[in-house]
Amino acid sequence: YLYNYFTLAVARASDLKTLCKLRDYDIEGYRNAFLHVYAYQMFLVHNNYHVARNFIQEFNEALRAPLPKQEVQAIVKSTFKAYERNREDISKGYNYKNATLIELLAITTEEQQQLKSIIDKTEKQRRNTEQHRASRRSEDGLTSRENAKKEIMNNVSALLKEGLKQKEIAAKLGISKGRVSQLAKELQSLDI
């Protein structure tokens, strides 16, 4: 997916909330890192000191062991300074790579599967493979080859019920007599 800095900040903020929820709001040892990253995302999203500060305070208060208000205020101020300093060029500042965030916040592979944007290359590849597999299947979950076989089997079944011989079915469907025989046996084993 394509992200700009705004949509990436929204997705990352959402991921940080999801991560806290997955950890049952117990992020002791990672609180400062979580709050710094979350604070920067809030400044990118809201572009307003007071609005972002309120979201950051709410985020902190939701934690099992929240940081003291003075520490949260210090994080808000330092993060806002970094945001202000890099306002002209947003590509600078606290724009961590996913690999850095994964290491900084000790995000596990299982946790990444629940996140939108903070994922490593392995998880990204897994999602792409899953999406590719799903796109190859029709609404009923069959591949194009399986759909073609199903259609031929339905035709053979219908023509057998009409009383046509295997040779006649082969000529009518443009397939070999051996293939018709094979499909007829398969239909018999399925009781169709």
N, C-alpha and C. Protein backbone atom coordinates (compact mmCIF):
# COMPACT_ATOMS: atom_id res chain seq x y z
N TYR A 1 0.83 -1.18 0.00
CA TYR A 1 0.00 0.00 0.00
C TYR A 1 0.86 1.24 0.00
N LEU A 2 0.33 2.28 -0.58
CA LEU A 2 1.05 3.54 -0.59
C LEU A 2 0.66 4.35 0.63
N TYR A 3 1.67 4.85 1.30
CA TYR A 3 1.41 5.70 2.47
C TYR A 3 2.06 7.06 2.24
N ASN A 4 1.37 8.11 2.65
CA ASN A 4 2.04 9.38 2.79
C ASN A 4 2.26 9.56 4.28
N TYR A 5 2.89 10.64 4.69
CA TYR A 5 3.22 10.78 6.11
C TYR A 5 1.99 10.85 7.00
N PHE A 6 0.91 11.43 6.50
CA PHE A 6 -0.31 11.53 7.30
C PHE A 6 -0.94 10.15 7.50
N THR A 7 -1.17 9.42 6.40
CA THR A 7 -1.81 8.11 6.53
C THR A 7 -0.93 7.12 7.28
N LEU A 8 0.39 7.25 7.09
CA LEU A 8 1.31 6.38 7.84
C LEU A 8 1.21 6.68 9.33
N ALA A 9 1.13 7.97 9.68
CA ALA A 9 1.02 8.35 11.10
C ALA A 9 -0.29 7.82 11.69
N VAL A 10 -1.38 7.90 10.94
CA VAL A 10 -2.66 7.38 11.42
C VAL A 10 -2.56 5.87 11.64
N ALA A 11 -1.98 5.16 10.67
CA ALA A 11 -1.86 3.70 10.78
C ALA A 11 -0.94 3.31 11.93
N ARG A 12 0.15 4.03 12.10
CA ARG A 12 1.07 3.70 13.19
C ARG A 12 0.46 3.98 14.55
N ALA A 13 -0.25 5.09 14.68
CA ALA A 13 -0.92 5.39 15.95
C ALA A 13 -1.93 4.29 16.28
N SER A 14 -2.67 3.86 15.28
CA SER A 14 -3.62 2.77 15.47
C SER A 14 -2.90 1.49 15.87
N ASP A 15 -1.76 1.21 15.23
CA ASP A 15 -0.97 0.02 15.56
C ASP A 15 -0.46 0.07 16.99
N LEU A 16 -0.04 1.24 17.44
CA LEU A 16 0.46 1.36 18.81
C LEU A 16 -0.66 1.09 19.81
N LYS A 17 -1.86 1.58 19.52
CA LYS A 17 -3.00 1.29 20.39
C LYS A 17 -3.33 -0.21 20.38
N THR A 18 -3.31 -0.80 19.20
CA THR A 18 -3.56 -2.24 19.08
C THR A 18 -2.53 -3.03 19.86
N LEU A 19 -1.28 -2.62 19.74
CA LEU A 19 -0.19 -3.31 20.44
C LEU A 19 -0.37 -3.23 21.95
N CYS A 20 -0.76 -2.07 22.44
CA CYS A 20 -1.04 -1.92 23.88
C CYS A 20 -2.17 -2.85 24.31
N LYS A 21 -3.20 -2.91 23.49
CA LYS A 21 -4.34 -3.77 23.80
C LYS A 21 -3.90 -5.24 23.81
N LEU A 22 -3.10 -5.64 22.82
CA LEU A 22 -2.60 -7.02 22.76
C LEU A 22 -1.77 -7.37 23.99
N ARG A 23 -1.07 -6.37 24.51
CA ARG A 23 -0.24 -6.59 25.69
C ARG A 23 -1.00 -6.28 26.98
N ASP A 24 -2.28 -6.14 26.87
CA ASP A 24 -3.15 -5.87 28.02
C ASP A 24 -2.72 -4.59 28.74
N TYR A 25 -2.29 -3.60 27.96
CA TYR A 25 -1.87 -2.28 28.44
C TYR A 25 -0.71 -2.34 29.44
N ASP A 26 0.01 -3.44 29.40
CA ASP A 26 1.19 -3.60 30.27
C ASP A 26 2.43 -3.48 29.40
N ILE A 27 2.94 -2.26 29.27
CA ILE A 27 4.12 -2.03 28.42
C ILE A 27 5.29 -1.50 29.25
N GLU A 28 5.35 -1.93 30.48
CA GLU A 28 6.44 -1.53 31.39
C GLU A 28 7.77 -1.84 30.70
N GLY A 29 8.68 -0.89 30.77
CA GLY A 29 9.97 -1.04 30.12
C GLY A 29 10.00 -0.46 28.72
N TYR A 30 8.82 -0.23 28.15
CA TYR A 30 8.72 0.32 26.80
C TYR A 30 7.86 1.59 26.77
N ARG A 31 7.41 2.04 27.95
CA ARG A 31 6.47 3.18 27.99
C ARG A 31 7.04 4.43 27.32
N ASN A 32 8.28 4.80 27.64
CA ASN A 32 8.86 6.01 27.06
C ASN A 32 8.92 5.91 25.54
N ALA A 33 9.38 4.77 25.04
CA ALA A 33 9.47 4.58 23.60
C ALA A 33 8.08 4.65 22.96
N PHE A 34 7.12 3.96 23.55
CA PHE A 34 5.74 3.99 23.04
C PHE A 34 5.23 5.43 22.99
N LEU A 35 5.39 6.14 24.10
CA LEU A 35 4.85 7.51 24.17
C LEU A 35 5.56 8.46 23.21
N HIS A 36 6.88 8.32 23.04
CA HIS A 36 7.58 9.18 22.08
C HIS A 36 7.06 8.94 20.66
N VAL A 37 6.99 7.69 20.29
CA VAL A 37 6.52 7.36 18.93
C VAL A 37 5.07 7.79 18.75
N TYR A 38 4.23 7.48 19.73
CA TYR A 38 2.81 7.85 19.64
C TYR A 38 2.65 9.37 19.59
N ALA A 39 3.42 10.08 20.40
CA ALA A 39 3.32 11.54 20.43
C ALA A 39 3.67 12.13 19.06
N TYR A 40 4.72 11.64 18.47
CA TYR A 40 5.11 12.17 17.16
C TYR A 40 4.03 11.90 16.11
N GLN A 41 3.42 10.72 16.18
CA GLN A 41 2.34 10.40 15.24
C GLN A 41 1.17 11.35 15.44
N MET A 42 0.87 11.66 16.69
CA MET A 42 -0.25 12.57 16.98
C MET A 42 0.01 13.98 16.44
N PHE A 43 1.25 14.45 16.53
CA PHE A 43 1.57 15.77 15.97
C PHE A 43 1.46 15.75 14.45
N LEU A 44 1.88 14.67 13.82
CA LEU A 44 1.76 14.57 12.37
C LEU A 44 0.29 14.53 11.94
N VAL A 45 -0.52 13.82 12.70
CA VAL A 45 -1.94 13.68 12.36
C VAL A 45 -2.72 14.97 12.61
N HIS A 46 -2.55 15.54 13.80
CA HIS A 46 -3.41 16.65 14.20
C HIS A 46 -2.82 18.03 13.92
N ASN A 47 -1.50 18.12 13.84
CA ASN A 47 -0.85 19.40 13.54
C ASN A 47 -1.30 20.49 14.52
N ASN A 48 -1.59 20.06 15.76
CA ASN A 48 -2.06 20.99 16.77
C ASN A 48 -1.55 20.50 18.13
N TYR A 49 -0.82 21.37 18.82
CA TYR A 49 -0.18 20.98 20.07
C TYR A 49 -1.19 20.50 21.11
N HIS A 50 -2.25 21.27 21.34
CA HIS A 50 -3.21 20.97 22.40
C HIS A 50 -4.02 19.69 22.12
N VAL A 51 -4.45 19.54 20.89
CA VAL A 51 -5.21 18.34 20.52
C VAL A 51 -4.33 17.10 20.67
N ALA A 52 -3.11 17.18 20.13
CA ALA A 52 -2.18 16.04 20.21
C ALA A 52 -1.86 15.73 21.67
N ARG A 53 -1.61 16.75 22.48
CA ARG A 53 -1.29 16.55 23.88
C ARG A 53 -2.40 15.79 24.61
N ASN A 54 -3.65 16.15 24.32
CA ASN A 54 -4.78 15.46 24.96
C ASN A 54 -4.82 13.97 24.58
N PHE A 55 -4.58 13.67 23.30
CA PHE A 55 -4.55 12.27 22.87
C PHE A 55 -3.40 11.51 23.54
N ILE A 56 -2.27 12.17 23.67
CA ILE A 56 -1.10 11.54 24.29
C ILE A 56 -1.38 11.25 25.77
N GLN A 57 -2.01 12.19 26.45
CA GLN A 57 -2.35 11.99 27.86
C GLN A 57 -3.36 10.85 28.02
N GLU A 58 -4.35 10.79 27.13
CA GLU A 58 -5.32 9.69 27.17
C GLU A 58 -4.64 8.35 26.96
N PHE A 59 -3.70 8.32 26.01
CA PHE A 59 -2.96 7.10 25.73
C PHE A 59 -2.20 6.65 26.97
N ASN A 60 -1.53 7.58 27.63
CA ASN A 60 -0.77 7.27 28.84
C ASN A 60 -1.68 6.78 29.97
N GLU A 61 -2.82 7.43 30.13
CA GLU A 61 -3.74 7.07 31.22
C GLU A 61 -4.36 5.68 31.03
N ALA A 62 -4.39 5.20 29.80
CA ALA A 62 -4.95 3.88 29.54
C ALA A 62 -4.00 2.76 29.95
N LEU A 63 -2.74 3.09 30.17
CA LEU A 63 -1.74 2.08 30.53
C LEU A 63 -1.94 1.58 31.95
N ARG A 64 -1.54 0.35 32.20
CA ARG A 64 -1.64 -0.21 33.55
C ARG A 64 -0.80 0.58 34.54
N ALA A 65 0.39 0.94 34.11
CA ALA A 65 1.29 1.74 34.96
C ALA A 65 1.68 2.98 34.17
N PRO A 66 0.81 4.00 34.17
CA PRO A 66 1.11 5.19 33.37
C PRO A 66 2.31 5.96 33.92
N LEU A 67 2.94 6.70 33.01
CA LEU A 67 4.04 7.56 33.43
C LEU A 67 3.47 8.74 34.21
N PRO A 68 4.27 9.30 35.13
CA PRO A 68 3.81 10.51 35.85
C PRO A 68 3.56 11.65 34.85
N LYS A 69 2.65 12.54 35.22
CA LYS A 69 2.27 13.64 34.32
C LYS A 69 3.47 14.49 33.89
N GLN A 70 4.41 14.71 34.81
CA GLN A 70 5.58 15.53 34.47
C GLN A 70 6.40 14.88 33.35
N GLU A 71 6.54 13.57 33.40
CA GLU A 71 7.30 12.86 32.36
C GLU A 71 6.55 12.91 31.03
N VAL A 72 5.24 12.78 31.09
CA VAL A 72 4.44 12.85 29.86
C VAL A 72 4.57 14.25 29.26
N GLN A 73 4.50 15.28 30.12
CA GLN A 73 4.65 16.65 29.62
C GLN A 73 6.02 16.87 28.99
N ALA A 74 7.06 16.29 29.58
CA ALA A 74 8.41 16.41 29.02
C ALA A 74 8.49 15.72 27.66
N ILE A 75 7.84 14.54 27.55
CA ILE A 75 7.83 13.83 26.27
C ILE A 75 7.07 14.65 25.22
N VAL A 76 5.93 15.21 25.61
CA VAL A 76 5.13 16.02 24.69
C VAL A 76 5.94 17.21 24.20
N LYS A 77 6.61 17.90 25.11
CA LYS A 77 7.40 19.08 24.72
C LYS A 77 8.56 18.72 23.81
N SER A 78 9.31 17.68 24.16
CA SER A 78 10.48 17.33 23.34
C SER A 78 10.05 16.82 21.96
N THR A 79 8.97 16.07 21.94
CA THR A 79 8.48 15.56 20.66
C THR A 79 7.94 16.69 19.80
N PHE A 80 7.26 17.63 20.43
CA PHE A 80 6.73 18.78 19.70
C PHE A 80 7.88 19.62 19.13
N LYS A 81 8.95 19.78 19.89
CA LYS A 81 10.13 20.52 19.38
C LYS A 81 10.68 19.83 18.14
N ALA A 82 10.79 18.51 18.19
CA ALA A 82 11.30 17.77 17.03
C ALA A 82 10.35 17.92 15.84
N TYR A 83 9.05 17.88 16.12
CA TYR A 83 8.05 18.06 15.08
C TYR A 83 8.15 19.45 14.46
N GLU A 84 8.24 20.47 15.31
CA GLU A 84 8.34 21.86 14.84
C GLU A 84 9.62 22.09 14.03
N ARG A 85 10.72 21.53 14.51
CA ARG A 85 12.01 21.69 13.86
C ARG A 85 11.99 21.10 12.45
N ASN A 86 11.20 20.06 12.25
CA ASN A 86 11.19 19.37 10.96
C ASN A 86 9.89 19.57 10.20
N ARG A 87 9.17 20.58 10.58
CA ARG A 87 7.86 20.82 9.95
C ARG A 87 7.96 21.06 8.44
N GLU A 88 9.03 21.74 8.02
CA GLU A 88 9.22 22.05 6.59
C GLU A 88 9.57 20.78 5.80
N ASP A 89 10.29 19.87 6.44
CA ASP A 89 10.66 18.61 5.78
C ASP A 89 10.29 17.47 6.72
N ILE A 90 9.08 16.99 6.56
CA ILE A 90 8.53 15.96 7.46
C ILE A 90 9.33 14.66 7.37
N SER A 91 10.07 14.46 6.28
CA SER A 91 10.83 13.22 6.16
C SER A 91 11.91 13.11 7.23
N LYS A 92 12.25 14.24 7.84
CA LYS A 92 13.19 14.22 8.97
C LYS A 92 12.37 14.10 10.25
N GLY A 93 13.02 13.96 11.37
CA GLY A 93 12.28 13.84 12.63
C GLY A 93 12.24 12.40 13.09
N TYR A 94 11.21 12.05 13.83
CA TYR A 94 11.10 10.70 14.39
C TYR A 94 10.38 9.75 13.44
N ASN A 95 10.84 9.69 12.22
CA ASN A 95 10.24 8.79 11.24
C ASN A 95 11.06 7.50 11.18
N TYR A 96 10.78 6.63 12.12
CA TYR A 96 11.52 5.39 12.22
C TYR A 96 11.10 4.41 11.13
N LYS A 97 12.05 3.57 10.76
CA LYS A 97 11.72 2.47 9.85
C LYS A 97 11.02 1.40 10.66
N ASN A 98 10.27 0.57 9.98
CA ASN A 98 9.54 -0.50 10.68
C ASN A 98 10.48 -1.40 11.47
N ALA A 99 11.63 -1.74 10.87
CA ALA A 99 12.58 -2.62 11.56
C ALA A 99 13.04 -1.99 12.87
N THR A 100 13.24 -0.69 12.88
CA THR A 100 13.65 0.01 14.09
C THR A 100 12.55 -0.03 15.13
N LEU A 101 11.31 0.23 14.71
CA LEU A 101 10.17 0.20 15.65
C LEU A 101 9.96 -1.20 16.21
N ILE A 102 10.10 -2.20 15.36
CA ILE A 102 9.92 -3.59 15.82
C ILE A 102 10.94 -3.93 16.89
N GLU A 103 12.17 -3.50 16.67
CA GLU A 103 13.23 -3.76 17.66
C GLU A 103 13.02 -2.90 18.91
N LEU A 104 12.74 -1.62 18.72
CA LEU A 104 12.57 -0.68 19.83
C LEU A 104 11.44 -1.08 20.77
N LEU A 105 10.34 -1.58 20.20
CA LEU A 105 9.15 -1.93 20.98
C LEU A 105 9.02 -3.44 21.21
N ALA A 106 10.01 -4.20 20.77
CA ALA A 106 10.04 -5.66 20.92
C ALA A 106 8.74 -6.30 20.42
N ILE A 107 8.38 -5.98 19.19
CA ILE A 107 7.14 -6.48 18.59
C ILE A 107 7.38 -7.87 18.05
N THR A 108 6.58 -8.82 18.49
CA THR A 108 6.74 -10.22 18.07
C THR A 108 6.08 -10.46 16.72
N THR A 109 6.40 -11.59 16.13
CA THR A 109 5.81 -11.99 14.85
C THR A 109 4.30 -12.14 14.99
N GLU A 110 3.85 -12.71 16.09
CA GLU A 110 2.41 -12.90 16.31
C GLU A 110 1.71 -11.55 16.44
N GLU A 111 2.35 -10.59 17.10
CA GLU A 111 1.76 -9.26 17.24
C GLU A 111 1.69 -8.57 15.89
N GLN A 112 2.72 -8.73 15.06
CA GLN A 112 2.73 -8.09 13.74
C GLN A 112 1.54 -8.53 12.89
N GLN A 113 1.08 -9.75 13.07
CA GLN A 113 -0.05 -10.24 12.29
C GLN A 113 -1.33 -9.47 12.59
N GLN A 114 -1.38 -8.78 13.73
CA GLN A 114 -2.55 -8.00 14.12
C GLN A 114 -2.42 -6.52 13.74
N LEU A 115 -1.24 -6.11 13.25
CA LEU A 115 -0.98 -4.71 12.96
C LEU A 115 -1.16 -4.38 11.49
N LYS A 116 -1.34 -3.09 11.20
CA LYS A 116 -1.55 -2.64 9.83
C LYS A 116 -0.25 -2.24 9.16
N SER A 117 0.56 -1.46 9.85
CA SER A 117 1.71 -0.87 9.18
C SER A 117 3.07 -1.24 9.78
N ILE A 118 3.14 -1.54 11.05
CA ILE A 118 4.43 -1.84 11.68
C ILE A 118 4.68 -3.35 11.54
N ILE A 119 5.17 -3.72 10.35
CA ILE A 119 5.42 -5.13 10.06
C ILE A 119 6.78 -5.27 9.38
N ASP A 120 7.38 -6.46 9.52
CA ASP A 120 8.67 -6.69 8.87
C ASP A 120 8.45 -7.27 7.48
N LYS A 121 9.55 -7.53 6.78
CA LYS A 121 9.47 -8.02 5.40
C LYS A 121 8.83 -9.40 5.33
N THR A 122 9.07 -10.23 6.33
CA THR A 122 8.49 -11.57 6.34
C THR A 122 6.97 -11.51 6.43
N GLU A 123 6.46 -10.67 7.32
CA GLU A 123 5.01 -10.53 7.47
C GLU A 123 4.40 -9.91 6.22
N LYS A 124 5.09 -8.96 5.61
CA LYS A 124 4.60 -8.34 4.38
C LYS A 124 4.50 -9.39 3.28
N GLN A 125 5.52 -10.23 3.16
CA GLN A 125 5.52 -11.30 2.16
C GLN A 125 4.40 -12.30 2.43
N ARG A 126 4.19 -12.64 3.70
CA ARG A 126 3.13 -13.58 4.07
C ARG A 126 1.77 -13.03 3.64
N ARG A 127 1.54 -11.75 3.89
CA ARG A 127 0.27 -11.11 3.50
C ARG A 127 0.10 -11.08 1.99
N ASN A 128 1.19 -10.75 1.28
CA ASN A 128 1.12 -10.71 -0.18
C ASN A 128 0.81 -12.09 -0.75
N THR A 129 1.43 -13.13 -0.20
CA THR A 129 1.18 -14.50 -0.65
C THR A 129 -0.26 -14.89 -0.38
N GLU A 130 -0.75 -14.57 0.81
CA GLU A 130 -2.14 -14.88 1.17
C GLU A 130 -3.12 -14.18 0.23
N GLN A 131 -2.83 -12.91 -0.05
CA GLN A 131 -3.70 -12.13 -0.95
C GLN A 131 -3.66 -12.70 -2.37
N HIS A 132 -2.46 -13.11 -2.81
CA HIS A 132 -2.32 -13.68 -4.15
C HIS A 132 -3.10 -14.99 -4.26
N ARG A 133 -2.99 -15.82 -3.24
CA ARG A 133 -3.73 -17.10 -3.24
C ARG A 133 -5.23 -16.86 -3.27
N ALA A 134 -5.68 -15.90 -2.49
CA ALA A 134 -7.12 -15.60 -2.44
C ALA A 134 -7.61 -15.06 -3.78
N SER A 135 -6.78 -14.26 -4.45
CA SER A 135 -7.21 -13.66 -5.72
C SER A 135 -7.28 -14.70 -6.83
N ARG A 136 -6.59 -15.82 -6.67
CA ARG A 136 -6.62 -16.88 -7.68
C ARG A 136 -7.88 -17.72 -7.60
N ARG A 137 -8.64 -17.58 -6.56
CA ARG A 137 -9.82 -18.42 -6.35
C ARG A 137 -11.10 -17.64 -6.66
N SER A 138 -12.09 -18.39 -7.13
CA SER A 138 -13.40 -17.79 -7.42
C SER A 138 -14.19 -17.65 -6.13
N GLU A 139 -15.42 -17.21 -6.27
CA GLU A 139 -16.28 -17.00 -5.10
C GLU A 139 -16.51 -18.29 -4.31
N ASP A 140 -16.56 -19.42 -5.03
CA ASP A 140 -16.78 -20.69 -4.33
C ASP A 140 -15.47 -21.35 -3.88
N GLY A 141 -14.35 -20.62 -3.97
CA GLY A 141 -13.08 -21.11 -3.44
C GLY A 141 -12.30 -22.01 -4.37
N LEU A 142 -12.67 -22.05 -5.65
CA LEU A 142 -11.98 -22.92 -6.60
C LEU A 142 -11.06 -22.13 -7.51
N THR A 143 -9.95 -22.77 -7.92
CA THR A 143 -9.06 -22.15 -8.90
C THR A 143 -9.70 -22.26 -10.27
N SER A 144 -9.13 -21.59 -11.26
CA SER A 144 -9.70 -21.65 -12.62
C SER A 144 -9.65 -23.08 -13.16
N ARG A 145 -8.59 -23.83 -12.83
CA ARG A 145 -8.49 -25.22 -13.27
C ARG A 145 -9.59 -26.08 -12.63
N GLU A 146 -9.81 -25.86 -11.33
CA GLU A 146 -10.85 -26.60 -10.63
C GLU A 146 -12.24 -26.25 -11.16
N ASN A 147 -12.45 -24.98 -11.50
CA ASN A 147 -13.73 -24.56 -12.08
C ASN A 147 -13.96 -25.21 -13.44
N ALA A 148 -12.89 -25.27 -14.25
CA ALA A 148 -13.00 -25.89 -15.57
C ALA A 148 -13.36 -27.37 -15.43
N LYS A 149 -12.70 -28.06 -14.49
CA LYS A 149 -12.98 -29.49 -14.27
C LYS A 149 -14.42 -29.68 -13.79
N LYS A 150 -14.86 -28.80 -12.89
CA LYS A 150 -16.23 -28.89 -12.37
C LYS A 150 -17.24 -28.74 -13.50
N GLU A 151 -16.98 -27.79 -14.41
CA GLU A 151 -17.88 -27.55 -15.53
C GLU A 151 -17.94 -28.76 -16.46
N ILE A 152 -16.76 -29.35 -16.76
CA ILE A 152 -16.73 -30.53 -17.63
C ILE A 152 -17.45 -31.70 -16.95
N MET A 153 -17.23 -31.87 -15.64
CA MET A 153 -17.89 -32.95 -14.92
C MET A 153 -19.40 -32.77 -14.95
N ASN A 154 -19.87 -31.54 -14.78
CA ASN A 154 -21.32 -31.27 -14.85
C ASN A 154 -21.88 -31.61 -16.23
N ASN A 155 -21.12 -31.24 -17.29
CA ASN A 155 -21.55 -31.54 -18.66
C ASN A 155 -21.59 -33.04 -18.90
N VAL A 156 -20.52 -33.74 -18.47
CA VAL A 156 -20.48 -35.19 -18.65
C VAL A 156 -21.63 -35.84 -17.90
N SER A 157 -21.87 -35.40 -16.67
CA SER A 157 -22.96 -35.95 -15.86
C SER A 157 -24.31 -35.76 -16.55
N ALA A 158 -24.53 -34.56 -17.06
CA ALA A 158 -25.81 -34.26 -17.73
C ALA A 158 -25.98 -35.12 -18.97
N LEU A 159 -24.91 -35.28 -19.76
CA LEU A 159 -25.00 -36.06 -20.99
C LEU A 159 -25.14 -37.56 -20.71
N LEU A 160 -24.53 -38.04 -19.64
CA LEU A 160 -24.70 -39.43 -19.24
C LEU A 160 -26.15 -39.69 -18.84
N LYS A 161 -26.74 -38.73 -18.14
CA LYS A 161 -28.14 -38.86 -17.72
C LYS A 161 -29.08 -38.87 -18.91
N GLU A 162 -28.67 -38.18 -20.00
CA GLU A 162 -29.48 -38.18 -21.23
C GLU A 162 -29.38 -39.50 -21.97
N GLY A 163 -28.39 -40.34 -21.56
CA GLY A 163 -28.24 -41.66 -22.16
C GLY A 163 -27.21 -41.73 -23.27
N LEU A 164 -26.42 -40.68 -23.46
CA LEU A 164 -25.39 -40.71 -24.50
C LEU A 164 -24.26 -41.65 -24.09
N LYS A 165 -23.61 -42.23 -25.10
CA LYS A 165 -22.48 -43.10 -24.85
C LYS A 165 -21.23 -42.24 -24.67
N GLN A 166 -20.21 -42.84 -24.05
CA GLN A 166 -18.99 -42.10 -23.76
C GLN A 166 -18.35 -41.54 -25.03
N LYS A 167 -18.39 -42.30 -26.13
CA LYS A 167 -17.81 -41.85 -27.40
C LYS A 167 -18.55 -40.61 -27.92
N GLU A 168 -19.88 -40.62 -27.78
CA GLU A 168 -20.70 -39.49 -28.22
C GLU A 168 -20.44 -38.25 -27.35
N ILE A 169 -20.29 -38.48 -26.05
CA ILE A 169 -20.00 -37.37 -25.12
C ILE A 169 -18.65 -36.74 -25.46
N ALA A 170 -17.66 -37.61 -25.73
CA ALA A 170 -16.32 -37.12 -26.08
C ALA A 170 -16.38 -36.24 -27.32
N ALA A 171 -17.11 -36.69 -28.34
CA ALA A 171 -17.22 -35.92 -29.58
C ALA A 171 -17.95 -34.60 -29.33
N LYS A 172 -19.00 -34.65 -28.54
CA LYS A 172 -19.79 -33.44 -28.26
C LYS A 172 -19.01 -32.40 -27.46
N LEU A 173 -18.22 -32.86 -26.48
CA LEU A 173 -17.47 -31.93 -25.62
C LEU A 173 -16.06 -31.62 -26.13
N GLY A 174 -15.60 -32.35 -27.15
CA GLY A 174 -14.27 -32.10 -27.72
C GLY A 174 -13.14 -32.58 -26.81
N ILE A 175 -13.40 -33.66 -26.09
CA ILE A 175 -12.36 -34.25 -25.24
C ILE A 175 -12.23 -35.73 -25.61
N SER A 176 -11.18 -36.37 -25.11
CA SER A 176 -10.95 -37.77 -25.49
C SER A 176 -11.94 -38.69 -24.78
N LYS A 177 -12.14 -39.89 -25.38
CA LYS A 177 -13.02 -40.89 -24.78
C LYS A 177 -12.46 -41.35 -23.43
N GLY A 178 -11.12 -41.43 -23.35
CA GLY A 178 -10.46 -41.82 -22.10
C GLY A 178 -10.74 -40.82 -20.98
N ARG A 179 -10.76 -39.55 -21.34
CA ARG A 179 -11.06 -38.50 -20.34
C ARG A 179 -12.51 -38.62 -19.88
N VAL A 180 -13.41 -38.90 -20.80
CA VAL A 180 -14.83 -39.06 -20.44
C VAL A 180 -14.97 -40.26 -19.51
N SER A 181 -14.27 -41.35 -19.84
CA SER A 181 -14.32 -42.56 -19.01
C SER A 181 -13.81 -42.26 -17.60
N GLN A 182 -12.70 -41.53 -17.55
CA GLN A 182 -12.11 -41.16 -16.25
C GLN A 182 -13.10 -40.31 -15.43
N LEU A 183 -13.72 -39.34 -16.07
CA LEU A 183 -14.67 -38.47 -15.38
C LEU A 183 -15.92 -39.24 -14.96
N ALA A 184 -16.37 -40.19 -15.79
CA ALA A 184 -17.54 -41.01 -15.47
C ALA A 184 -17.26 -41.85 -14.22
N LYS A 185 -16.04 -42.40 -14.13
CA LYS A 185 -15.67 -43.18 -12.94
C LYS A 185 -15.64 -42.29 -11.70
N GLU A 186 -15.11 -41.10 -11.87
CA GLU A 186 -15.06 -40.15 -10.75
C GLU A 186 -16.47 -39.76 -10.30
N LEU A 187 -17.36 -39.55 -11.25
CA LEU A 187 -18.75 -39.21 -10.93
C LEU A 187 -19.42 -40.37 -10.21
N GLN A 188 -19.12 -41.60 -10.66
CA GLN A 188 -19.69 -42.79 -10.02
C GLN A 188 -19.23 -42.90 -8.59
N SER A 189 -17.95 -42.63 -8.35
CA SER A 189 -17.42 -42.73 -6.98
C SER A 189 -18.00 -41.65 -6.07
N LEU A 190 -18.43 -40.54 -6.68
CA LEU A 190 -19.05 -39.46 -5.90
C LEU A 190 -20.56 -39.63 -5.79
N ASP A 191 -21.09 -40.66 -6.43
CA ASP A 191 -22.54 -40.91 -6.47
C ASP A 191 -23.32 -39.78 -7.10
N ILE A 192 -22.79 -39.25 -8.20
CA ILE A 192 -23.47 -38.16 -8.91
C ILE A 192 -24.11 -38.71 -10.17
